[in-house]
Amino acid sequence: TWPEEGVVAITTKASYLRPGFLFFINTKTGNSQKILGPVYGLTTNVSKDAKKVLYSDALNGTLSTKVLNLADGSVTNALFQTMPEKCVWSTLKKTSMYCAVPNEPYKNMPDAWYKGLVDGVDQLWHLDTAINSTNKISNLLEDTDTLIDVVNPTLTPDELALFFINNYDLSLWSLNLRE
């Protein structure tokens, strides 16, 4: 991904059986910097200003989701378990993100989800990484009476709506974020 101008974030292919790494590459100088690793089952989602990284690791196939603050190297638990690729960082509030969180934790992650062996039944949550607080936005099953496994979440430029694809049938969905 290109979280900000001049920085490319590269994460190795994830598996709970192998350690993974996250590198930043400076596109002007070509220099690379190891950000994370070795971490088993590593998947990542870098903030739009490249100052924070939402990442998951897998210990014995059990998923754990954390936030790395690159300014001071601190790591905090994200207060829920999900795959970082089921999340989208806010552009307007750099410490904020929206995540699809499965109702039940997955096993053998991230491999089982990538292979299509498990499907999520997701809820949507807002995470403020500055104060490490969460707020449930929607229980998608209750609100829509539809099984939804969120992929490719995207915010509109004004961040008044969240778009995503339901991995079950590849249908396009949107959620109004106005309070």
N, C-alpha and C. Protein backbone atom coordinates (compact mmCIF):
# COMPACT_ATOMS: atom_id res chain seq x y z
N THR A 1 0.84 -1.19 0.00
CA THR A 1 0.00 0.00 0.00
C THR A 1 0.88 1.24 0.00
N TRP A 2 0.28 2.38 -0.34
CA TRP A 2 0.96 3.67 -0.30
C TRP A 2 0.23 4.54 0.73
N PRO A 3 0.58 4.42 2.02
CA PRO A 3 -0.15 5.16 3.04
C PRO A 3 0.04 6.67 2.96
N GLU A 4 1.19 7.10 2.52
CA GLU A 4 1.43 8.53 2.33
C GLU A 4 2.45 8.70 1.22
N GLU A 5 2.52 9.91 0.71
CA GLU A 5 3.45 10.18 -0.38
C GLU A 5 4.88 9.87 0.05
N GLY A 6 5.59 9.13 -0.77
CA GLY A 6 6.98 8.81 -0.50
C GLY A 6 7.20 7.55 0.32
N VAL A 7 6.12 6.89 0.75
CA VAL A 7 6.24 5.68 1.57
C VAL A 7 5.40 4.57 0.97
N VAL A 8 6.03 3.42 0.76
CA VAL A 8 5.32 2.22 0.35
C VAL A 8 5.43 1.24 1.52
N ALA A 9 4.30 0.66 1.91
CA ALA A 9 4.27 -0.35 2.97
C ALA A 9 4.12 -1.72 2.33
N ILE A 10 5.02 -2.63 2.67
CA ILE A 10 5.00 -3.97 2.10
C ILE A 10 4.95 -4.98 3.24
N THR A 11 3.94 -5.85 3.19
CA THR A 11 3.81 -6.92 4.17
C THR A 11 3.95 -8.25 3.45
N THR A 12 4.71 -9.16 4.06
CA THR A 12 4.88 -10.48 3.46
C THR A 12 3.57 -11.25 3.52
N LYS A 13 3.46 -12.28 2.70
CA LYS A 13 2.26 -13.12 2.66
C LYS A 13 2.05 -13.74 4.04
N ALA A 14 0.80 -13.70 4.52
CA ALA A 14 0.51 -14.10 5.89
C ALA A 14 0.14 -15.58 6.01
N SER A 15 0.62 -16.19 7.11
CA SER A 15 0.23 -17.54 7.51
C SER A 15 0.53 -17.70 8.99
N TYR A 16 -0.38 -18.39 9.69
CA TYR A 16 -0.11 -18.62 11.11
C TYR A 16 1.02 -19.61 11.32
N LEU A 17 1.46 -20.26 10.24
CA LEU A 17 2.55 -21.23 10.31
C LEU A 17 3.92 -20.60 10.08
N ARG A 18 3.95 -19.35 9.64
CA ARG A 18 5.21 -18.69 9.28
C ARG A 18 5.26 -17.26 9.81
N PRO A 19 6.46 -16.80 10.15
CA PRO A 19 6.58 -15.40 10.57
C PRO A 19 6.48 -14.47 9.37
N GLY A 20 5.89 -13.30 9.61
CA GLY A 20 5.76 -12.29 8.57
C GLY A 20 6.44 -11.00 8.98
N PHE A 21 6.60 -10.10 8.01
CA PHE A 21 7.30 -8.84 8.22
C PHE A 21 6.56 -7.71 7.52
N LEU A 22 6.67 -6.52 8.09
CA LEU A 22 6.19 -5.29 7.46
C LEU A 22 7.39 -4.38 7.27
N PHE A 23 7.57 -3.89 6.04
CA PHE A 23 8.64 -2.95 5.72
C PHE A 23 8.05 -1.68 5.14
N PHE A 24 8.68 -0.56 5.41
CA PHE A 24 8.40 0.69 4.72
C PHE A 24 9.56 0.93 3.77
N ILE A 25 9.23 1.32 2.55
CA ILE A 25 10.25 1.68 1.58
C ILE A 25 10.07 3.14 1.21
N ASN A 26 11.14 3.91 1.32
CA ASN A 26 11.14 5.31 0.94
C ASN A 26 11.30 5.37 -0.57
N THR A 27 10.29 5.89 -1.27
CA THR A 27 10.33 5.88 -2.74
C THR A 27 11.33 6.88 -3.32
N LYS A 28 11.77 7.84 -2.51
CA LYS A 28 12.75 8.82 -3.00
C LYS A 28 14.16 8.29 -2.90
N THR A 29 14.47 7.59 -1.78
CA THR A 29 15.83 7.11 -1.55
C THR A 29 16.01 5.63 -1.83
N GLY A 30 14.89 4.88 -1.81
CA GLY A 30 14.97 3.44 -1.99
C GLY A 30 15.31 2.69 -0.70
N ASN A 31 15.53 3.43 0.38
CA ASN A 31 15.86 2.79 1.66
C ASN A 31 14.64 2.06 2.23
N SER A 32 14.90 0.92 2.86
CA SER A 32 13.83 0.17 3.49
C SER A 32 14.05 0.14 5.00
N GLN A 33 12.93 0.03 5.72
CA GLN A 33 12.97 0.00 7.19
C GLN A 33 12.02 -1.10 7.65
N LYS A 34 12.53 -2.02 8.47
CA LYS A 34 11.66 -3.06 9.03
C LYS A 34 10.83 -2.43 10.14
N ILE A 35 9.50 -2.56 10.02
CA ILE A 35 8.58 -1.99 10.99
C ILE A 35 8.12 -3.05 11.98
N LEU A 36 7.76 -4.23 11.48
CA LEU A 36 7.29 -5.34 12.31
C LEU A 36 7.90 -6.64 11.81
N GLY A 37 8.09 -7.56 12.72
CA GLY A 37 8.50 -8.90 12.36
C GLY A 37 9.74 -9.33 13.11
N PRO A 38 9.91 -10.61 13.24
CA PRO A 38 9.03 -11.66 12.75
C PRO A 38 7.78 -11.81 13.64
N VAL A 39 6.62 -11.89 13.00
CA VAL A 39 5.34 -12.05 13.68
C VAL A 39 4.54 -13.12 12.93
N TYR A 40 4.17 -14.18 13.61
CA TYR A 40 3.39 -15.25 12.98
C TYR A 40 2.00 -14.76 12.63
N GLY A 41 1.57 -15.07 11.40
CA GLY A 41 0.23 -14.70 10.95
C GLY A 41 0.05 -13.21 10.72
N LEU A 42 1.13 -12.49 10.48
CA LEU A 42 1.07 -11.03 10.38
C LEU A 42 0.25 -10.55 9.19
N THR A 43 -0.76 -9.73 9.47
CA THR A 43 -1.46 -8.95 8.46
C THR A 43 -1.50 -7.52 8.98
N THR A 44 -1.51 -6.54 8.07
CA THR A 44 -1.36 -5.15 8.49
C THR A 44 -2.30 -4.22 7.74
N ASN A 45 -2.51 -3.05 8.35
CA ASN A 45 -3.24 -1.96 7.72
C ASN A 45 -2.63 -0.67 8.27
N VAL A 46 -1.89 0.04 7.44
CA VAL A 46 -1.16 1.23 7.85
C VAL A 46 -2.04 2.46 7.72
N SER A 47 -2.00 3.33 8.73
CA SER A 47 -2.80 4.56 8.71
C SER A 47 -2.38 5.44 7.54
N LYS A 48 -3.28 6.34 7.15
CA LYS A 48 -3.07 7.19 5.97
C LYS A 48 -1.88 8.14 6.11
N ASP A 49 -1.46 8.40 7.36
CA ASP A 49 -0.29 9.25 7.58
C ASP A 49 0.95 8.43 7.95
N ALA A 50 0.84 7.11 7.89
CA ALA A 50 1.95 6.18 8.17
C ALA A 50 2.49 6.36 9.59
N LYS A 51 1.62 6.72 10.54
CA LYS A 51 2.06 6.89 11.92
C LYS A 51 1.60 5.76 12.83
N LYS A 52 0.61 4.98 12.36
CA LYS A 52 0.10 3.86 13.15
C LYS A 52 -0.13 2.67 12.23
N VAL A 53 -0.06 1.49 12.83
CA VAL A 53 -0.30 0.26 12.09
C VAL A 53 -1.26 -0.60 12.89
N LEU A 54 -2.40 -0.92 12.28
CA LEU A 54 -3.27 -1.94 12.85
C LEU A 54 -2.73 -3.26 12.31
N TYR A 55 -2.47 -4.20 13.20
CA TYR A 55 -1.96 -5.49 12.74
C TYR A 55 -2.54 -6.62 13.57
N SER A 56 -2.54 -7.79 12.96
CA SER A 56 -2.96 -8.97 13.69
C SER A 56 -1.83 -9.98 13.65
N ASP A 57 -1.79 -10.76 14.71
CA ASP A 57 -0.86 -11.88 14.74
C ASP A 57 -1.65 -13.11 15.14
N ALA A 58 -1.04 -14.26 14.97
CA ALA A 58 -1.73 -15.51 15.26
C ALA A 58 -0.81 -16.39 16.09
N LEU A 59 -1.19 -16.62 17.33
CA LEU A 59 -0.46 -17.52 18.19
C LEU A 59 -1.28 -18.81 18.24
N ASN A 60 -0.71 -19.89 17.73
CA ASN A 60 -1.41 -21.18 17.64
C ASN A 60 -2.73 -21.04 16.87
N GLY A 61 -2.76 -20.18 15.86
CA GLY A 61 -3.94 -20.02 15.03
C GLY A 61 -5.02 -19.13 15.61
N THR A 62 -4.78 -18.55 16.79
CA THR A 62 -5.74 -17.65 17.42
C THR A 62 -5.35 -16.21 17.13
N LEU A 63 -6.28 -15.46 16.61
CA LEU A 63 -6.04 -14.10 16.15
C LEU A 63 -5.99 -13.11 17.30
N SER A 64 -5.06 -12.17 17.23
CA SER A 64 -4.97 -11.06 18.17
C SER A 64 -4.74 -9.80 17.35
N THR A 65 -5.49 -8.74 17.63
CA THR A 65 -5.39 -7.51 16.85
C THR A 65 -4.84 -6.39 17.73
N LYS A 66 -3.86 -5.66 17.19
CA LYS A 66 -3.14 -4.65 17.97
C LYS A 66 -2.90 -3.40 17.12
N VAL A 67 -2.56 -2.31 17.82
CA VAL A 67 -2.20 -1.06 17.16
C VAL A 67 -0.79 -0.69 17.58
N LEU A 68 0.08 -0.50 16.59
CA LEU A 68 1.45 -0.06 16.81
C LEU A 68 1.52 1.43 16.54
N ASN A 69 1.98 2.20 17.53
CA ASN A 69 2.22 3.63 17.37
C ASN A 69 3.68 3.79 16.97
N LEU A 70 3.93 4.24 15.75
CA LEU A 70 5.30 4.32 15.24
C LEU A 70 6.11 5.45 15.88
N ALA A 71 5.44 6.44 16.45
CA ALA A 71 6.16 7.55 17.07
C ALA A 71 6.94 7.09 18.30
N ASP A 72 6.33 6.23 19.11
CA ASP A 72 7.01 5.81 20.34
C ASP A 72 7.19 4.30 20.45
N GLY A 73 6.74 3.55 19.46
CA GLY A 73 6.90 2.10 19.47
C GLY A 73 5.94 1.36 20.38
N SER A 74 4.97 2.07 20.96
CA SER A 74 4.04 1.41 21.88
C SER A 74 3.02 0.57 21.12
N VAL A 75 2.58 -0.49 21.76
CA VAL A 75 1.59 -1.40 21.18
C VAL A 75 0.43 -1.52 22.16
N THR A 76 -0.80 -1.37 21.63
CA THR A 76 -2.00 -1.54 22.46
C THR A 76 -2.91 -2.55 21.79
N ASN A 77 -3.66 -3.28 22.60
CA ASN A 77 -4.65 -4.21 22.07
C ASN A 77 -5.80 -3.41 21.49
N ALA A 78 -6.37 -3.90 20.40
CA ALA A 78 -7.42 -3.17 19.69
C ALA A 78 -8.81 -3.36 20.30
N LEU A 79 -8.94 -4.12 21.37
CA LEU A 79 -10.19 -4.34 22.09
C LEU A 79 -11.17 -5.22 21.32
N PHE A 80 -10.77 -5.73 20.16
CA PHE A 80 -11.56 -6.71 19.42
C PHE A 80 -10.60 -7.51 18.54
N GLN A 81 -11.10 -8.62 17.99
CA GLN A 81 -10.28 -9.46 17.12
C GLN A 81 -10.84 -9.41 15.71
N THR A 82 -10.00 -8.95 14.79
CA THR A 82 -10.40 -8.94 13.39
C THR A 82 -9.16 -8.92 12.51
N MET A 83 -9.38 -9.11 11.24
CA MET A 83 -8.30 -9.01 10.26
C MET A 83 -8.17 -7.54 9.86
N PRO A 84 -6.96 -6.98 9.86
CA PRO A 84 -6.79 -5.57 9.50
C PRO A 84 -7.33 -5.20 8.13
N GLU A 85 -7.37 -6.15 7.20
CA GLU A 85 -7.92 -5.84 5.88
C GLU A 85 -9.44 -5.69 5.89
N LYS A 86 -10.07 -5.95 7.03
CA LYS A 86 -11.50 -5.73 7.19
C LYS A 86 -11.75 -4.36 7.83
N CYS A 87 -10.72 -3.50 7.80
CA CYS A 87 -10.79 -2.17 8.41
C CYS A 87 -10.38 -1.10 7.41
N VAL A 88 -10.81 0.13 7.69
CA VAL A 88 -10.42 1.27 6.87
C VAL A 88 -10.10 2.45 7.80
N TRP A 89 -8.96 3.08 7.57
CA TRP A 89 -8.56 4.25 8.35
C TRP A 89 -9.30 5.49 7.85
N SER A 90 -9.61 6.36 8.76
CA SER A 90 -10.20 7.65 8.41
C SER A 90 -9.12 8.55 7.83
N THR A 91 -9.50 9.35 6.86
CA THR A 91 -8.61 10.37 6.33
C THR A 91 -8.80 11.68 7.10
N LEU A 92 -10.03 11.91 7.57
CA LEU A 92 -10.34 13.16 8.27
C LEU A 92 -9.85 13.18 9.71
N LYS A 93 -9.93 12.03 10.38
CA LYS A 93 -9.42 11.91 11.75
C LYS A 93 -8.40 10.79 11.76
N LYS A 94 -7.14 11.14 11.69
CA LYS A 94 -6.06 10.20 11.43
C LYS A 94 -5.94 9.06 12.44
N THR A 95 -6.47 9.23 13.65
CA THR A 95 -6.36 8.18 14.67
C THR A 95 -7.59 7.29 14.72
N SER A 96 -8.46 7.43 13.75
CA SER A 96 -9.75 6.76 13.78
C SER A 96 -9.88 5.75 12.65
N MET A 97 -10.62 4.67 12.90
CA MET A 97 -10.85 3.68 11.85
C MET A 97 -12.15 2.95 12.10
N TYR A 98 -12.66 2.34 11.03
CA TYR A 98 -13.86 1.52 11.09
C TYR A 98 -13.46 0.09 10.73
N CYS A 99 -13.97 -0.86 11.51
CA CYS A 99 -13.61 -2.26 11.31
C CYS A 99 -14.83 -3.17 11.33
N ALA A 100 -14.78 -4.17 10.48
CA ALA A 100 -15.75 -5.26 10.53
C ALA A 100 -15.17 -6.32 11.45
N VAL A 101 -15.94 -6.68 12.46
CA VAL A 101 -15.47 -7.60 13.49
C VAL A 101 -16.42 -8.81 13.52
N PRO A 102 -15.88 -10.02 13.36
CA PRO A 102 -16.75 -11.19 13.38
C PRO A 102 -17.36 -11.41 14.76
N ASN A 103 -18.60 -11.93 14.77
CA ASN A 103 -19.28 -12.21 16.04
C ASN A 103 -18.53 -13.25 16.87
N GLU A 104 -17.88 -14.18 16.20
CA GLU A 104 -17.11 -15.21 16.89
C GLU A 104 -15.70 -15.22 16.32
N PRO A 105 -14.69 -15.45 17.21
CA PRO A 105 -13.31 -15.48 16.72
C PRO A 105 -13.09 -16.64 15.75
N TYR A 106 -12.26 -16.39 14.77
CA TYR A 106 -11.88 -17.42 13.82
C TYR A 106 -10.79 -18.31 14.41
N LYS A 107 -10.63 -19.50 13.85
CA LYS A 107 -9.53 -20.40 14.20
C LYS A 107 -8.62 -20.53 12.99
N ASN A 108 -7.36 -20.87 13.24
CA ASN A 108 -6.35 -21.07 12.20
C ASN A 108 -6.26 -19.87 11.26
N MET A 109 -6.15 -18.72 11.87
CA MET A 109 -6.11 -17.48 11.10
C MET A 109 -4.69 -17.04 10.82
N PRO A 110 -4.44 -16.35 9.74
CA PRO A 110 -5.39 -15.87 8.74
C PRO A 110 -5.68 -16.88 7.63
N ASP A 111 -5.00 -18.01 7.67
CA ASP A 111 -5.06 -18.99 6.58
C ASP A 111 -6.49 -19.43 6.26
N ALA A 112 -7.27 -19.77 7.27
CA ALA A 112 -8.61 -20.31 7.04
C ALA A 112 -9.50 -19.29 6.33
N TRP A 113 -9.38 -18.01 6.68
CA TRP A 113 -10.20 -16.98 6.04
C TRP A 113 -9.76 -16.76 4.59
N TYR A 114 -8.45 -16.71 4.39
CA TYR A 114 -7.94 -16.52 3.02
C TYR A 114 -8.35 -17.68 2.10
N LYS A 115 -8.39 -18.88 2.63
CA LYS A 115 -8.75 -20.05 1.83
C LYS A 115 -10.26 -20.22 1.68
N GLY A 116 -11.04 -19.39 2.35
CA GLY A 116 -12.49 -19.48 2.26
C GLY A 116 -13.07 -20.60 3.10
N LEU A 117 -12.31 -21.08 4.10
CA LEU A 117 -12.78 -22.17 4.95
C LEU A 117 -13.69 -21.68 6.07
N VAL A 118 -13.63 -20.38 6.37
CA VAL A 118 -14.50 -19.78 7.38
C VAL A 118 -15.09 -18.49 6.81
N ASP A 119 -16.29 -18.18 7.24
CA ASP A 119 -16.95 -16.95 6.85
C ASP A 119 -17.31 -16.20 8.12
N GLY A 120 -17.23 -14.91 8.07
CA GLY A 120 -17.59 -14.12 9.23
C GLY A 120 -19.05 -13.72 9.20
N VAL A 121 -19.57 -13.43 10.36
CA VAL A 121 -20.85 -12.75 10.52
C VAL A 121 -20.47 -11.50 11.30
N ASP A 122 -20.35 -10.39 10.58
CA ASP A 122 -19.66 -9.22 11.10
C ASP A 122 -20.57 -8.19 11.77
N GLN A 123 -19.94 -7.49 12.69
CA GLN A 123 -20.47 -6.26 13.26
C GLN A 123 -19.52 -5.16 12.82
N LEU A 124 -20.00 -3.92 12.75
CA LEU A 124 -19.12 -2.81 12.40
C LEU A 124 -18.83 -1.99 13.65
N TRP A 125 -17.55 -1.70 13.84
CA TRP A 125 -17.09 -0.97 15.01
C TRP A 125 -16.26 0.24 14.58
N HIS A 126 -16.28 1.26 15.40
CA HIS A 126 -15.39 2.42 15.25
C HIS A 126 -14.33 2.30 16.33
N LEU A 127 -13.08 2.52 15.95
CA LEU A 127 -11.96 2.48 16.89
C LEU A 127 -11.25 3.81 16.85
N ASP A 128 -11.09 4.43 18.02
CA ASP A 128 -10.29 5.65 18.15
C ASP A 128 -8.99 5.24 18.81
N THR A 129 -7.91 5.21 18.04
CA THR A 129 -6.62 4.73 18.55
C THR A 129 -5.94 5.74 19.47
N ALA A 130 -6.37 7.00 19.45
CA ALA A 130 -5.76 8.01 20.32
C ALA A 130 -6.10 7.75 21.78
N ILE A 131 -7.34 7.31 22.01
CA ILE A 131 -7.77 7.05 23.40
C ILE A 131 -8.11 5.57 23.62
N ASN A 132 -7.86 4.74 22.61
CA ASN A 132 -8.13 3.30 22.66
C ASN A 132 -9.55 3.01 23.11
N SER A 133 -10.50 3.57 22.40
CA SER A 133 -11.90 3.32 22.70
C SER A 133 -12.61 2.78 21.46
N THR A 134 -13.66 1.99 21.71
CA THR A 134 -14.43 1.43 20.62
C THR A 134 -15.91 1.77 20.80
N ASN A 135 -16.60 1.76 19.67
CA ASN A 135 -18.04 2.02 19.67
C ASN A 135 -18.65 1.16 18.57
N LYS A 136 -19.64 0.33 18.93
CA LYS A 136 -20.29 -0.49 17.91
C LYS A 136 -21.21 0.38 17.07
N ILE A 137 -21.04 0.31 15.75
CA ILE A 137 -21.82 1.08 14.80
C ILE A 137 -23.05 0.28 14.35
N SER A 138 -22.84 -1.02 14.10
CA SER A 138 -23.94 -1.84 13.58
C SER A 138 -23.68 -3.31 13.82
N ASN A 139 -24.72 -4.03 14.24
CA ASN A 139 -24.71 -5.48 14.18
C ASN A 139 -25.38 -5.81 12.85
N LEU A 140 -24.59 -6.13 11.87
CA LEU A 140 -25.11 -6.25 10.51
C LEU A 140 -26.18 -7.32 10.36
N LEU A 141 -26.04 -8.44 11.05
CA LEU A 141 -27.05 -9.49 10.95
C LEU A 141 -28.39 -9.01 11.50
N GLU A 142 -28.38 -8.37 12.66
CA GLU A 142 -29.61 -7.86 13.25
C GLU A 142 -30.21 -6.72 12.42
N ASP A 143 -29.35 -5.84 11.92
CA ASP A 143 -29.83 -4.66 11.20
C ASP A 143 -30.31 -4.97 9.78
N THR A 144 -29.77 -6.03 9.17
CA THR A 144 -30.11 -6.32 7.77
C THR A 144 -30.79 -7.67 7.56
N ASP A 145 -30.78 -8.52 8.59
CA ASP A 145 -31.30 -9.88 8.48
C ASP A 145 -30.57 -10.64 7.36
N THR A 146 -29.27 -10.32 7.20
CA THR A 146 -28.44 -10.93 6.16
C THR A 146 -27.09 -11.29 6.75
N LEU A 147 -26.57 -12.46 6.38
CA LEU A 147 -25.22 -12.82 6.78
C LEU A 147 -24.25 -11.98 5.96
N ILE A 148 -23.39 -11.23 6.64
CA ILE A 148 -22.45 -10.36 5.94
C ILE A 148 -21.04 -10.60 6.47
N ASP A 149 -20.14 -10.91 5.56
CA ASP A 149 -18.71 -11.04 5.83
C ASP A 149 -18.05 -9.91 5.04
N VAL A 150 -17.68 -8.84 5.71
CA VAL A 150 -17.21 -7.62 5.07
C VAL A 150 -15.82 -7.79 4.46
N VAL A 151 -15.68 -7.34 3.21
CA VAL A 151 -14.38 -7.19 2.57
C VAL A 151 -14.35 -5.83 1.87
N ASN A 152 -13.16 -5.31 1.67
CA ASN A 152 -12.93 -4.06 0.95
C ASN A 152 -13.73 -2.86 1.50
N PRO A 153 -13.66 -2.61 2.80
CA PRO A 153 -14.36 -1.42 3.31
C PRO A 153 -13.72 -0.14 2.80
N THR A 154 -14.56 0.84 2.46
CA THR A 154 -14.10 2.12 1.93
C THR A 154 -15.00 3.22 2.46
N LEU A 155 -14.40 4.33 2.83
CA LEU A 155 -15.16 5.50 3.28
C LEU A 155 -15.35 6.47 2.13
N THR A 156 -16.49 7.15 2.12
CA THR A 156 -16.67 8.24 1.16
C THR A 156 -15.75 9.38 1.57
N PRO A 157 -15.42 10.30 0.66
CA PRO A 157 -14.51 11.39 1.01
C PRO A 157 -14.97 12.23 2.22
N ASP A 158 -16.28 12.42 2.37
CA ASP A 158 -16.78 13.18 3.52
C ASP A 158 -16.97 12.29 4.75
N GLU A 159 -16.72 10.99 4.59
CA GLU A 159 -16.82 9.98 5.64
C GLU A 159 -18.20 9.92 6.29
N LEU A 160 -19.21 10.19 5.48
CA LEU A 160 -20.59 10.06 5.96
C LEU A 160 -21.18 8.69 5.63
N ALA A 161 -20.45 7.90 4.85
CA ALA A 161 -20.92 6.56 4.50
C ALA A 161 -19.73 5.62 4.36
N LEU A 162 -20.00 4.37 4.67
CA LEU A 162 -19.02 3.30 4.55
C LEU A 162 -19.56 2.31 3.51
N PHE A 163 -18.76 2.02 2.51
CA PHE A 163 -19.11 1.03 1.50
C PHE A 163 -18.28 -0.22 1.73
N PHE A 164 -18.85 -1.37 1.42
CA PHE A 164 -18.12 -2.63 1.54
C PHE A 164 -18.79 -3.69 0.67
N ILE A 165 -18.08 -4.78 0.47
CA ILE A 165 -18.60 -5.92 -0.28
C ILE A 165 -18.88 -7.05 0.70
N ASN A 166 -20.01 -7.72 0.50
CA ASN A 166 -20.34 -8.90 1.28
C ASN A 166 -19.66 -10.10 0.62
N ASN A 167 -18.74 -10.71 1.33
CA ASN A 167 -17.95 -11.81 0.78
C ASN A 167 -18.80 -13.05 0.48
N TYR A 168 -19.98 -13.16 1.06
CA TYR A 168 -20.85 -14.31 0.79
C TYR A 168 -21.34 -14.33 -0.65
N ASP A 169 -21.79 -13.17 -1.15
CA ASP A 169 -22.37 -13.14 -2.50
C ASP A 169 -21.81 -12.02 -3.38
N LEU A 170 -20.79 -11.32 -2.88
CA LEU A 170 -20.11 -10.23 -3.57
C LEU A 170 -21.02 -9.04 -3.86
N SER A 171 -22.08 -8.89 -3.08
CA SER A 171 -22.97 -7.74 -3.24
C SER A 171 -22.35 -6.50 -2.58
N LEU A 172 -22.68 -5.35 -3.13
CA LEU A 172 -22.18 -4.07 -2.62
C LEU A 172 -23.17 -3.52 -1.59
N TRP A 173 -22.63 -3.05 -0.46
CA TRP A 173 -23.44 -2.51 0.62
C TRP A 173 -22.91 -1.14 1.01
N SER A 174 -23.78 -0.35 1.63
CA SER A 174 -23.34 0.92 2.23
C SER A 174 -24.02 1.09 3.57
N LEU A 175 -23.35 1.83 4.43
CA LEU A 175 -23.87 2.12 5.75
C LEU A 175 -23.73 3.62 5.99
N ASN A 176 -24.84 4.25 6.35
CA ASN A 176 -24.85 5.67 6.66
C ASN A 176 -24.18 5.87 8.02
N LEU A 177 -23.14 6.71 8.10
CA LEU A 177 -22.42 6.94 9.35
C LEU A 177 -22.85 8.22 10.06
N ARG A 178 -23.82 8.92 9.52
CA ARG A 178 -24.29 10.14 10.17
C ARG A 178 -24.88 9.79 11.52
N GLU A 179 -24.54 10.58 12.50
CA GLU A 179 -25.03 10.33 13.85
C GLU A 179 -26.32 11.03 14.13
